[in-house]
Amino acid sequence: MLSERMSYLFKASSSVVVFRSSPDEKAQTVKFIMKHEPEAFTLAIGDGANDVNMIQSANIGVGIMGKEGN
């Protein structure tokens, strides 16, 4: 199953970087990691209004004022 493979890859990784994805995909990635790896800490950094869901889903969320939005 794909979710089992993804979980295995995330557990084997010390960090995961997601970019060039939709806002929903980024938030889903954060939620997936938190669900399958409860002892992991998630940090989400975004620079636009479309990143709010991802930032709020993470254990630690950081919003940066960038050229794309506030």
N, C-alpha and C. Protein backbone atom coordinates (compact mmCIF):
# COMPACT_ATOMS: atom_id res chain seq x y z
N MET A 1 0.85 -1.17 0.00
CA MET A 1 0.00 0.00 0.00
C MET A 1 0.90 1.24 0.00
N LEU A 2 0.46 2.27 -0.71
CA LEU A 2 1.27 3.47 -0.87
C LEU A 2 1.52 4.19 0.45
N SER A 3 0.51 4.27 1.31
CA SER A 3 0.69 4.98 2.58
C SER A 3 1.71 4.27 3.47
N GLU A 4 1.79 2.95 3.40
CA GLU A 4 2.80 2.22 4.17
C GLU A 4 4.20 2.53 3.65
N ARG A 5 4.34 2.62 2.34
CA ARG A 5 5.65 2.95 1.75
C ARG A 5 6.07 4.37 2.11
N MET A 6 5.11 5.30 2.05
CA MET A 6 5.42 6.68 2.41
C MET A 6 5.81 6.77 3.88
N SER A 7 5.09 6.06 4.73
CA SER A 7 5.40 6.05 6.16
C SER A 7 6.81 5.52 6.40
N TYR A 8 7.17 4.47 5.71
CA TYR A 8 8.51 3.89 5.84
C TYR A 8 9.58 4.91 5.41
N LEU A 9 9.35 5.58 4.30
CA LEU A 9 10.32 6.58 3.83
C LEU A 9 10.46 7.74 4.81
N PHE A 10 9.33 8.21 5.34
CA PHE A 10 9.38 9.32 6.29
C PHE A 10 10.09 8.91 7.57
N LYS A 11 9.86 7.69 8.05
CA LYS A 11 10.53 7.21 9.26
C LYS A 11 12.03 7.08 9.06
N ALA A 12 12.45 6.73 7.85
CA ALA A 12 13.87 6.56 7.55
C ALA A 12 14.57 7.89 7.30
N SER A 13 13.80 8.97 7.19
CA SER A 13 14.37 10.29 6.88
C SER A 13 14.51 11.13 8.14
N SER A 14 15.55 11.94 8.17
CA SER A 14 15.69 12.87 9.30
C SER A 14 14.90 14.15 9.06
N SER A 15 14.58 14.43 7.79
CA SER A 15 13.76 15.60 7.48
C SER A 15 13.08 15.38 6.13
N VAL A 16 12.00 16.11 5.93
CA VAL A 16 11.24 16.03 4.69
C VAL A 16 11.01 17.46 4.21
N VAL A 17 11.33 17.72 2.96
CA VAL A 17 11.11 19.03 2.37
C VAL A 17 10.09 18.88 1.26
N VAL A 18 9.03 19.67 1.32
CA VAL A 18 7.97 19.63 0.31
C VAL A 18 7.91 20.99 -0.36
N PHE A 19 7.99 21.01 -1.68
CA PHE A 19 7.89 22.27 -2.41
C PHE A 19 7.24 21.99 -3.76
N ARG A 20 6.80 23.05 -4.39
CA ARG A 20 6.12 22.95 -5.68
C ARG A 20 4.91 22.01 -5.61
N SER A 21 4.19 22.09 -4.49
CA SER A 21 2.99 21.29 -4.27
C SER A 21 1.83 22.22 -3.95
N SER A 22 0.64 21.70 -4.09
CA SER A 22 -0.54 22.52 -3.77
C SER A 22 -0.60 22.74 -2.26
N PRO A 23 -1.28 23.78 -1.81
CA PRO A 23 -1.42 24.01 -0.37
C PRO A 23 -2.02 22.82 0.36
N ASP A 24 -2.99 22.16 -0.26
CA ASP A 24 -3.62 21.00 0.36
C ASP A 24 -2.64 19.84 0.49
N GLU A 25 -1.81 19.62 -0.52
CA GLU A 25 -0.82 18.54 -0.47
C GLU A 25 0.20 18.78 0.63
N LYS A 26 0.60 20.03 0.81
CA LYS A 26 1.57 20.34 1.88
C LYS A 26 0.96 20.10 3.25
N ALA A 27 -0.28 20.51 3.45
CA ALA A 27 -0.96 20.29 4.74
C ALA A 27 -1.18 18.80 4.97
N GLN A 28 -1.55 18.07 3.93
CA GLN A 28 -1.75 16.63 4.06
C GLN A 28 -0.46 15.91 4.43
N THR A 29 0.66 16.37 3.90
CA THR A 29 1.95 15.77 4.23
C THR A 29 2.27 15.95 5.71
N VAL A 30 2.05 17.16 6.22
CA VAL A 30 2.28 17.43 7.64
C VAL A 30 1.38 16.55 8.50
N LYS A 31 0.11 16.48 8.16
CA LYS A 31 -0.84 15.67 8.94
C LYS A 31 -0.51 14.19 8.86
N PHE A 32 -0.06 13.72 7.69
CA PHE A 32 0.32 12.32 7.52
C PHE A 32 1.49 11.96 8.42
N ILE A 33 2.50 12.80 8.44
CA ILE A 33 3.68 12.55 9.27
C ILE A 33 3.29 12.54 10.74
N MET A 34 2.46 13.49 11.15
CA MET A 34 2.05 13.56 12.56
C MET A 34 1.22 12.33 12.96
N LYS A 35 0.43 11.81 12.05
CA LYS A 35 -0.40 10.65 12.34
C LYS A 35 0.42 9.37 12.43
N HIS A 36 1.35 9.18 11.49
CA HIS A 36 2.10 7.93 11.40
C HIS A 36 3.39 7.94 12.22
N GLU A 37 3.82 9.09 12.65
CA GLU A 37 5.05 9.21 13.44
C GLU A 37 4.78 10.18 14.59
N PRO A 38 4.00 9.74 15.60
CA PRO A 38 3.56 10.64 16.65
C PRO A 38 4.68 11.30 17.46
N GLU A 39 5.84 10.66 17.54
CA GLU A 39 6.93 11.25 18.32
C GLU A 39 7.74 12.28 17.51
N ALA A 40 7.45 12.40 16.23
CA ALA A 40 8.15 13.36 15.38
C ALA A 40 7.60 14.77 15.61
N PHE A 41 8.45 15.75 15.44
CA PHE A 41 8.04 17.15 15.48
C PHE A 41 7.98 17.66 14.05
N THR A 42 6.96 18.43 13.76
CA THR A 42 6.84 18.99 12.42
C THR A 42 7.01 20.50 12.48
N LEU A 43 7.76 21.03 11.54
CA LEU A 43 7.97 22.46 11.39
C LEU A 43 7.55 22.81 9.99
N ALA A 44 6.61 23.73 9.86
CA ALA A 44 6.15 24.18 8.55
C ALA A 44 6.46 25.65 8.39
N ILE A 45 7.10 25.99 7.28
CA ILE A 45 7.47 27.37 7.00
C ILE A 45 6.82 27.75 5.68
N GLY A 46 6.10 28.85 5.69
CA GLY A 46 5.45 29.31 4.47
C GLY A 46 5.53 30.81 4.33
N ASP A 47 5.39 31.28 3.08
CA ASP A 47 5.50 32.72 2.85
C ASP A 47 4.26 33.30 2.16
N GLY A 48 3.17 32.58 2.22
CA GLY A 48 1.98 33.11 1.58
C GLY A 48 0.71 32.68 2.27
N ALA A 49 -0.38 33.32 1.92
CA ALA A 49 -1.67 33.02 2.53
C ALA A 49 -2.10 31.59 2.23
N ASN A 50 -1.65 31.03 1.12
CA ASN A 50 -2.03 29.66 0.78
C ASN A 50 -1.33 28.62 1.66
N ASP A 51 -0.37 29.02 2.47
CA ASP A 51 0.35 28.11 3.35
C ASP A 51 -0.24 28.04 4.76
N VAL A 52 -1.30 28.80 5.02
CA VAL A 52 -1.86 28.89 6.37
C VAL A 52 -2.27 27.53 6.91
N ASN A 53 -2.97 26.71 6.12
CA ASN A 53 -3.42 25.40 6.59
C ASN A 53 -2.23 24.52 6.99
N MET A 54 -1.17 24.53 6.20
CA MET A 54 0.02 23.76 6.51
C MET A 54 0.67 24.27 7.80
N ILE A 55 0.78 25.57 7.93
CA ILE A 55 1.42 26.18 9.10
C ILE A 55 0.64 25.85 10.37
N GLN A 56 -0.68 25.92 10.29
CA GLN A 56 -1.51 25.65 11.46
C GLN A 56 -1.56 24.16 11.80
N SER A 57 -1.29 23.29 10.84
CA SER A 57 -1.33 21.85 11.08
C SER A 57 -0.08 21.34 11.79
N ALA A 58 1.02 22.03 11.65
CA ALA A 58 2.30 21.58 12.18
C ALA A 58 2.42 21.84 13.67
N ASN A 59 3.36 21.12 14.31
CA ASN A 59 3.66 21.39 15.71
C ASN A 59 4.20 22.81 15.88
N ILE A 60 5.05 23.20 14.95
CA ILE A 60 5.62 24.55 14.94
C ILE A 60 5.36 25.13 13.56
N GLY A 61 4.71 26.28 13.51
CA GLY A 61 4.42 26.92 12.23
C GLY A 61 5.05 28.29 12.17
N VAL A 62 5.68 28.58 11.04
CA VAL A 62 6.36 29.86 10.86
C VAL A 62 5.84 30.49 9.57
N GLY A 63 5.34 31.70 9.69
CA GLY A 63 4.92 32.46 8.52
C GLY A 63 5.89 33.58 8.25
N ILE A 64 6.34 33.67 7.04
CA ILE A 64 7.33 34.68 6.64
C ILE A 64 6.67 35.62 5.65
N MET A 65 6.87 36.90 5.85
CA MET A 65 6.39 37.86 4.88
C MET A 65 7.33 37.82 3.68
N GLY A 66 6.78 37.43 2.55
CA GLY A 66 7.59 37.33 1.36
C GLY A 66 6.98 38.13 0.22
N LYS A 67 7.57 38.02 -0.94
CA LYS A 67 7.08 38.73 -2.11
C LYS A 67 5.74 38.18 -2.59
N GLU A 68 5.46 36.90 -2.26
CA GLU A 68 4.23 36.27 -2.73
C GLU A 68 3.01 36.65 -1.94
N GLY A 69 3.16 37.02 -0.67
CA GLY A 69 1.99 37.35 0.13
C GLY A 69 2.36 37.63 1.56
N ASN A 70 1.34 37.85 2.39
CA ASN A 70 1.57 38.17 3.81
C ASN A 70 0.95 37.09 4.66
